[in-house]
Amino acid sequence: MIKKKRWRLCEGDREKENILIRELGVNPIVAKLMVNRHIDVDEGRQFLQGTLSDLLDPFTFKGYGRGCFASSGNN
């Protein structure tokens, strides 16, 4: 049986949340999560409206090559 879990959100900065809601058009809960993670409007916009060139190179991720090797069935 799956246990029901409830998220507990920290109290954030209401003013910063309202700026994110207004500028990015995000849901109030998303804005609260972004503020709690210290994401400002510019970072939020880059994340939500970014391009492929904004993404990190996956080859720089630790264990990426090992994961690709394992998923290809060549282990």
PDB file of N, CA and C in Angstrom:
ATOM      1  N   MET A   1       0.832  -1.176   0.000  1.00  0.00           N
ATOM      2  CA  MET A   1       0.000   0.000   0.000  1.00  0.00           C
ATOM      3  C   MET A   1       0.883   1.248   0.000  1.00  0.00           C
ATOM      4  N   ILE A   2       0.517   2.213  -0.805  1.00  0.00           N
ATOM      5  CA  ILE A   2       1.267   3.463  -0.885  1.00  0.00           C
ATOM      6  C   ILE A   2       0.835   4.380   0.246  1.00  0.00           C
ATOM      7  N   LYS A   3       1.819   4.871   0.970  1.00  0.00           N
ATOM      8  CA  LYS A   3       1.561   5.770   2.080  1.00  0.00           C
ATOM      9  C   LYS A   3       1.363   7.184   1.552  1.00  0.00           C
ATOM     10  N   LYS A   4       0.326   7.869   2.016  1.00  0.00           N
ATOM     11  CA  LYS A   4       0.109   9.254   1.614  1.00  0.00           C
ATOM     12  C   LYS A   4       1.107  10.144   2.333  1.00  0.00           C
ATOM     13  N   LYS A   5       1.690  11.057   1.574  1.00  0.00           N
ATOM     14  CA  LYS A   5       2.644  11.991   2.153  1.00  0.00           C
ATOM     15  C   LYS A   5       2.183  13.410   1.864  1.00  0.00           C
ATOM     16  N   ARG A   6       2.492  14.310   2.775  1.00  0.00           N
ATOM     17  CA  ARG A   6       2.168  15.720   2.608  1.00  0.00           C
ATOM     18  C   ARG A   6       3.455  16.519   2.572  1.00  0.00           C
ATOM     19  N   TRP A   7       3.529  17.428   1.623  1.00  0.00           N
ATOM     20  CA  TRP A   7       4.660  18.328   1.562  1.00  0.00           C
ATOM     21  C   TRP A   7       4.472  19.410   2.610  1.00  0.00           C
ATOM     22  N   ARG A   8       5.550  19.799   3.240  1.00  0.00           N
ATOM     23  CA  ARG A   8       5.543  20.930   4.167  1.00  0.00           C
ATOM     24  C   ARG A   8       6.441  21.998   3.565  1.00  0.00           C
ATOM     25  N   LEU A   9       5.838  23.114   3.213  1.00  0.00           N
ATOM     26  CA  LEU A   9       6.596  24.199   2.604  1.00  0.00           C
ATOM     27  C   LEU A   9       7.023  25.203   3.663  1.00  0.00           C
ATOM     28  N   CYS A  10       8.281  25.601   3.603  1.00  0.00           N
ATOM     29  CA  CYS A  10       8.789  26.600   4.524  1.00  0.00           C
ATOM     30  C   CYS A  10       8.127  27.945   4.228  1.00  0.00           C
ATOM     31  N   GLU A  11       8.008  28.740   5.266  1.00  0.00           N
ATOM     32  CA  GLU A  11       7.524  30.099   5.054  1.00  0.00           C
ATOM     33  C   GLU A  11       8.571  30.827   4.218  1.00  0.00           C
ATOM     34  N   GLY A  12       8.115  31.483   3.186  1.00  0.00           N
ATOM     35  CA  GLY A  12       9.047  32.187   2.320  1.00  0.00           C
ATOM     36  C   GLY A  12       8.856  33.681   2.398  1.00  0.00           C
ATOM     37  N   ASP A  13       9.473  34.357   1.487  1.00  0.00           N
ATOM     38  CA  ASP A  13       9.375  35.804   1.378  1.00  0.00           C
ATOM     39  C   ASP A  13       8.204  36.108   0.446  1.00  0.00           C
ATOM     40  N   ARG A  14       7.093  36.546   1.021  1.00  0.00           N
ATOM     41  CA  ARG A  14       5.852  36.771   0.282  1.00  0.00           C
ATOM     42  C   ARG A  14       6.042  37.752  -0.878  1.00  0.00           C
ATOM     43  N   GLU A  15       6.857  38.775  -0.658  1.00  0.00           N
ATOM     44  CA  GLU A  15       7.089  39.775  -1.703  1.00  0.00           C
ATOM     45  C   GLU A  15       7.795  39.156  -2.907  1.00  0.00           C
ATOM     46  N   LYS A  16       8.823  38.347  -2.645  1.00  0.00           N
ATOM     47  CA  LYS A  16       9.547  37.681  -3.728  1.00  0.00           C
ATOM     48  C   LYS A  16       8.634  36.684  -4.455  1.00  0.00           C
ATOM     49  N   GLU A  17       7.796  35.984  -3.703  1.00  0.00           N
ATOM     50  CA  GLU A  17       6.852  35.049  -4.319  1.00  0.00           C
ATOM     51  C   GLU A  17       5.917  35.781  -5.268  1.00  0.00           C
ATOM     52  N   ASN A  18       5.385  36.919  -4.822  1.00  0.00           N
ATOM     53  CA  ASN A  18       4.462  37.688  -5.664  1.00  0.00           C
ATOM     54  C   ASN A  18       5.140  38.212  -6.925  1.00  0.00           C
ATOM     55  N   ILE A  19       6.414  38.572  -6.827  1.00  0.00           N
ATOM     56  CA  ILE A  19       7.155  39.016  -8.017  1.00  0.00           C
ATOM     57  C   ILE A  19       7.260  37.879  -9.022  1.00  0.00           C
ATOM     58  N   LEU A  20       7.592  36.675  -8.547  1.00  0.00           N
ATOM     59  CA  LEU A  20       7.697  35.521  -9.449  1.00  0.00           C
ATOM     60  C   LEU A  20       6.348  35.188 -10.080  1.00  0.00           C
ATOM     61  N   ILE A  21       5.295  35.270  -9.291  1.00  0.00           N
ATOM     62  CA  ILE A  21       3.950  34.997  -9.811  1.00  0.00           C
ATOM     63  C   ILE A  21       3.611  35.994 -10.912  1.00  0.00           C
ATOM     64  N   ARG A  22       3.878  37.274 -10.642  1.00  0.00           N
ATOM     65  CA  ARG A  22       3.540  38.324 -11.598  1.00  0.00           C
ATOM     66  C   ARG A  22       4.435  38.278 -12.849  1.00  0.00           C
ATOM     67  N   GLU A  23       5.743  38.149 -12.658  1.00  0.00           N
ATOM     68  CA  GLU A  23       6.690  38.212 -13.773  1.00  0.00           C
ATOM     69  C   GLU A  23       6.722  36.937 -14.623  1.00  0.00           C
ATOM     70  N   LEU A  24       6.580  35.782 -13.975  1.00  0.00           N
ATOM     71  CA  LEU A  24       6.726  34.512 -14.694  1.00  0.00           C
ATOM     72  C   LEU A  24       5.402  33.790 -14.915  1.00  0.00           C
ATOM     73  N   GLY A  25       4.356  34.238 -14.219  1.00  0.00           N
ATOM     74  CA  GLY A  25       3.051  33.603 -14.374  1.00  0.00           C
ATOM     75  C   GLY A  25       2.991  32.199 -13.791  1.00  0.00           C
ATOM     76  N   VAL A  26       3.775  31.955 -12.740  1.00  0.00           N
ATOM     77  CA  VAL A  26       3.791  30.623 -12.136  1.00  0.00           C
ATOM     78  C   VAL A  26       2.750  30.522 -11.029  1.00  0.00           C
ATOM     79  N   ASN A  27       2.403  29.314 -10.699  1.00  0.00           N
ATOM     80  CA  ASN A  27       1.490  29.003  -9.610  1.00  0.00           C
ATOM     81  C   ASN A  27       2.118  29.457  -8.285  1.00  0.00           C
ATOM     82  N   PRO A  28       1.316  29.910  -7.311  1.00  0.00           N
ATOM     83  CA  PRO A  28       1.873  30.340  -6.024  1.00  0.00           C
ATOM     84  C   PRO A  28       2.736  29.292  -5.321  1.00  0.00           C
ATOM     85  N   ILE A  29       2.394  28.035  -5.449  1.00  0.00           N
ATOM     86  CA  ILE A  29       3.214  26.987  -4.822  1.00  0.00           C
ATOM     87  C   ILE A  29       4.559  26.879  -5.523  1.00  0.00           C
ATOM     88  N   VAL A  30       4.555  26.980  -6.849  1.00  0.00           N
ATOM     89  CA  VAL A  30       5.811  26.953  -7.604  1.00  0.00           C
ATOM     90  C   VAL A  30       6.665  28.152  -7.213  1.00  0.00           C
ATOM     91  N   ALA A  31       6.043  29.317  -7.082  1.00  0.00           N
ATOM     92  CA  ALA A  31       6.777  30.518  -6.675  1.00  0.00           C
ATOM     93  C   ALA A  31       7.394  30.327  -5.295  1.00  0.00           C
ATOM     94  N   LYS A  32       6.673  29.732  -4.373  1.00  0.00           N
ATOM     95  CA  LYS A  32       7.185  29.491  -3.018  1.00  0.00           C
ATOM     96  C   LYS A  32       8.380  28.540  -3.074  1.00  0.00           C
ATOM     97  N   LEU A  33       8.291  27.483  -3.872  1.00  0.00           N
ATOM     98  CA  LEU A  33       9.403  26.545  -4.015  1.00  0.00           C
ATOM     99  C   LEU A  33      10.624  27.234  -4.615  1.00  0.00           C
ATOM    100  N   MET A  34      10.391  28.084  -5.616  1.00  0.00           N
ATOM    101  CA  MET A  34      11.499  28.800  -6.247  1.00  0.00           C
ATOM    102  C   MET A  34      12.180  29.738  -5.254  1.00  0.00           C
ATOM    103  N   VAL A  35      11.408  30.463  -4.463  1.00  0.00           N
ATOM    104  CA  VAL A  35      11.981  31.362  -3.459  1.00  0.00           C
ATOM    105  C   VAL A  35      12.760  30.569  -2.421  1.00  0.00           C
ATOM    106  N   ASN A  36      12.218  29.447  -1.990  1.00  0.00           N
ATOM    107  CA  ASN A  36      12.913  28.614  -1.005  1.00  0.00           C
ATOM    108  C   ASN A  36      14.222  28.054  -1.550  1.00  0.00           C
ATOM    109  N   ARG A  37      14.336  27.976  -2.867  1.00  0.00           N
ATOM    110  CA  ARG A  37      15.566  27.492  -3.504  1.00  0.00           C
ATOM    111  C   ARG A  37      16.424  28.651  -4.013  1.00  0.00           C
ATOM    112  N   HIS A  38      16.073  29.866  -3.602  1.00  0.00           N
ATOM    113  CA  HIS A  38      16.829  31.077  -3.939  1.00  0.00           C
ATOM    114  C   HIS A  38      16.908  31.315  -5.446  1.00  0.00           C
ATOM    115  N   ILE A  39      15.828  31.033  -6.150  1.00  0.00           N
ATOM    116  CA  ILE A  39      15.748  31.263  -7.593  1.00  0.00           C
ATOM    117  C   ILE A  39      15.060  32.604  -7.812  1.00  0.00           C
ATOM    118  N   ASP A  40      15.748  33.506  -8.518  1.00  0.00           N
ATOM    119  CA  ASP A  40      15.166  34.815  -8.787  1.00  0.00           C
ATOM    120  C   ASP A  40      14.473  34.814 -10.151  1.00  0.00           C
ATOM    121  N   VAL A  41      13.963  35.972 -10.554  1.00  0.00           N
ATOM    122  CA  VAL A  41      13.200  36.065 -11.802  1.00  0.00           C
ATOM    123  C   VAL A  41      14.050  35.666 -13.008  1.00  0.00           C
ATOM    124  N   ASP A  42      15.283  36.158 -13.071  1.00  0.00           N
ATOM    125  CA  ASP A  42      16.135  35.848 -14.223  1.00  0.00           C
ATOM    126  C   ASP A  42      16.443  34.353 -14.319  1.00  0.00           C
ATOM    127  N   GLU A  43      16.795  33.748 -13.196  1.00  0.00           N
ATOM    128  CA  GLU A  43      17.073  32.302 -13.192  1.00  0.00           C
ATOM    129  C   GLU A  43      15.807  31.511 -13.512  1.00  0.00           C
ATOM    130  N   GLY A  44      14.683  31.945 -12.970  1.00  0.00           N
ATOM    131  CA  GLY A  44      13.414  31.278 -13.235  1.00  0.00           C
ATOM    132  C   GLY A  44      13.031  31.365 -14.697  1.00  0.00           C
ATOM    133  N   ARG A  45      13.223  32.543 -15.279  1.00  0.00           N
ATOM    134  CA  ARG A  45      12.903  32.724 -16.695  1.00  0.00           C
ATOM    135  C   ARG A  45      13.795  31.840 -17.567  1.00  0.00           C
ATOM    136  N   GLN A  46      15.088  31.783 -17.237  1.00  0.00           N
ATOM    137  CA  GLN A  46      16.011  30.940 -18.002  1.00  0.00           C
ATOM    138  C   GLN A  46      15.595  29.473 -17.903  1.00  0.00           C
ATOM    139  N   PHE A  47      15.188  29.039 -16.719  1.00  0.00           N
ATOM    140  CA  PHE A  47      14.765  27.657 -16.531  1.00  0.00           C
ATOM    141  C   PHE A  47      13.468  27.359 -17.284  1.00  0.00           C
ATOM    142  N   LEU A  48      12.487  28.245 -17.161  1.00  0.00           N
ATOM    143  CA  LEU A  48      11.176  27.995 -17.743  1.00  0.00           C
ATOM    144  C   LEU A  48      11.119  28.247 -19.251  1.00  0.00           C
ATOM    145  N   GLN A  49      11.922  29.189 -19.735  1.00  0.00           N
ATOM    146  CA  GLN A  49      11.860  29.571 -21.135  1.00  0.00           C
ATOM    147  C   GLN A  49      13.207  29.399 -21.831  1.00  0.00           C
ATOM    148  N   GLY A  50      14.061  28.581 -21.271  1.00  0.00           N
ATOM    149  CA  GLY A  50      15.408  28.412 -21.797  1.00  0.00           C
ATOM    150  C   GLY A  50      15.447  27.686 -23.136  1.00  0.00           C
ATOM    151  N   THR A  51      16.632  27.684 -23.697  1.00  0.00           N
ATOM    152  CA  THR A  51      16.868  27.005 -24.973  1.00  0.00           C
ATOM    153  C   THR A  51      17.784  25.803 -24.731  1.00  0.00           C
ATOM    154  N   LEU A  52      17.992  25.013 -25.761  1.00  0.00           N
ATOM    155  CA  LEU A  52      18.878  23.857 -25.630  1.00  0.00           C
ATOM    156  C   LEU A  52      20.291  24.273 -25.261  1.00  0.00           C
ATOM    157  N   SER A  53      20.722  25.450 -25.720  1.00  0.00           N
ATOM    158  CA  SER A  53      22.079  25.903 -25.406  1.00  0.00           C
ATOM    159  C   SER A  53      22.231  26.262 -23.926  1.00  0.00           C
ATOM    160  N   ASP A  54      21.120  26.439 -23.213  1.00  0.00           N
ATOM    161  CA  ASP A  54      21.174  26.720 -21.778  1.00  0.00           C
ATOM    162  C   ASP A  54      21.405  25.461 -20.951  1.00  0.00           C
ATOM    163  N   LEU A  55      21.220  24.285 -21.543  1.00  0.00           N
ATOM    164  CA  LEU A  55      21.371  23.030 -20.813  1.00  0.00           C
ATOM    165  C   LEU A  55      22.841  22.701 -20.603  1.00  0.00           C
ATOM    166  N   LEU A  56      23.129  22.003 -19.510  1.00  0.00           N
ATOM    167  CA  LEU A  56      24.485  21.561 -19.242  1.00  0.00           C
ATOM    168  C   LEU A  56      24.854  20.407 -20.162  1.00  0.00           C
ATOM    169  N   ASP A  57      26.122  20.276 -20.453  1.00  0.00           N
ATOM    170  CA  ASP A  57      26.617  19.165 -21.250  1.00  0.00           C
ATOM    171  C   ASP A  57      26.510  17.894 -20.407  1.00  0.00           C
ATOM    172  N   PRO A  58      25.724  16.907 -20.843  1.00  0.00           N
ATOM    173  CA  PRO A  58      25.535  15.701 -20.026  1.00  0.00           C
ATOM    174  C   PRO A  58      26.825  14.916 -19.800  1.00  0.00           C
ATOM    175  N   PHE A  59      27.813  15.093 -20.658  1.00  0.00           N
ATOM    176  CA  PHE A  59      29.071  14.373 -20.482  1.00  0.00           C
ATOM    177  C   PHE A  59      29.852  14.872 -19.268  1.00  0.00           C
ATOM    178  N   THR A  60      29.451  16.017 -18.720  1.00  0.00           N
ATOM    179  CA  THR A  60      30.124  16.531 -17.529  1.00  0.00           C
ATOM    180  C   THR A  60      29.522  15.969 -16.247  1.00  0.00           C
ATOM    181  N   PHE A  61      28.415  15.244 -16.341  1.00  0.00           N
ATOM    182  CA  PHE A  61      27.771  14.684 -15.154  1.00  0.00           C
ATOM    183  C   PHE A  61      28.557  13.478 -14.658  1.00  0.00           C
ATOM    184  N   LYS A  62      28.746  13.419 -13.353  1.00  0.00           N
ATOM    185  CA  LYS A  62      29.474  12.306 -12.759  1.00  0.00           C
ATOM    186  C   LYS A  62      28.738  10.991 -13.040  1.00  0.00           C
ATOM    187  N   GLY A  63      29.440  10.005 -13.567  1.00  0.00           N
ATOM    188  CA  GLY A  63      28.865   8.693 -13.819  1.00  0.00           C
ATOM    189  C   GLY A  63      28.071   8.582 -15.107  1.00  0.00           C
ATOM    190  N   TYR A  64      28.054   9.643 -15.925  1.00  0.00           N
ATOM    191  CA  TYR A  64      27.258   9.633 -17.152  1.00  0.00           C
ATOM    192  C   TYR A  64      27.686   8.507 -18.091  1.00  0.00           C
ATOM    193  N   GLY A  65      28.978   8.392 -18.324  1.00  0.00           N
ATOM    194  CA  GLY A  65      29.476   7.357 -19.236  1.00  0.00           C
ATOM    195  C   GLY A  65      29.152   5.959 -18.743  1.00  0.00           C
ATOM    196  N   ARG A  66      29.302   5.738 -17.460  1.00  0.00           N
ATOM    197  CA  ARG A  66      29.006   4.430 -16.862  1.00  0.00           C
ATOM    198  C   ARG A  66      27.512   4.115 -17.023  1.00  0.00           C
ATOM    199  N   GLY A  67      26.658   5.126 -16.823  1.00  0.00           N
ATOM    200  CA  GLY A  67      25.217   4.927 -16.956  1.00  0.00           C
ATOM    201  C   GLY A  67      24.827   4.583 -18.384  1.00  0.00           C
ATOM    202  N   CYS A  68      25.452   5.267 -19.340  1.00  0.00           N
ATOM    203  CA  CYS A  68      25.157   4.980 -20.761  1.00  0.00           C
ATOM    204  C   CYS A  68      25.609   3.568 -21.111  1.00  0.00           C
ATOM    205  N   PHE A  69      26.766   3.201 -20.618  1.00  0.00           N
ATOM    206  CA  PHE A  69      27.283   1.871 -20.892  1.00  0.00           C
ATOM    207  C   PHE A  69      26.356   0.803 -20.327  1.00  0.00           C
ATOM    208  N   ALA A  70      25.892   1.007 -19.091  1.00  0.00           N
ATOM    209  CA  ALA A  70      25.009   0.036 -18.442  1.00  0.00           C
ATOM    210  C   ALA A  70      23.664  -0.049 -19.153  1.00  0.00           C
ATOM    211  N   SER A  71      23.127   1.086 -19.604  1.00  0.00           N
ATOM    212  CA  SER A  71      21.811   1.070 -20.233  1.00  0.00           C
ATOM    213  C   SER A  71      21.856   0.500 -21.644  1.00  0.00           C
ATOM    214  N   SER A  72      23.052   0.432 -22.245  1.00  0.00           N
ATOM    215  CA  SER A  72      23.138  -0.108 -23.598  1.00  0.00           C
ATOM    216  C   SER A  72      23.185  -1.643 -23.590  1.00  0.00           C
ATOM    217  N   GLY A  73      23.311  -2.232 -22.401  1.00  0.00           N
ATOM    218  CA  GLY A  73      23.349  -3.689 -22.299  1.00  0.00           C
ATOM    219  C   GLY A  73      24.743  -4.257 -22.502  1.00  0.00           C
ATOM    220  N   ASN A  74      25.751  -3.405 -22.547  1.00  0.00           N
ATOM    221  CA  ASN A  74      27.125  -3.858 -22.769  1.00  0.00           C
ATOM    222  C   ASN A  74      27.896  -4.001 -21.472  1.00  0.00           C
ATOM    223  N   ASN A  75      27.226  -4.341 -20.394  1.00  0.00           N
ATOM    224  CA  ASN A  75      27.944  -4.415 -19.121  1.00  0.00           C
ATOM    225  C   ASN A  75      28.408  -5.779 -18.803  1.00  0.00           C
TER     226      ASN A  75
END
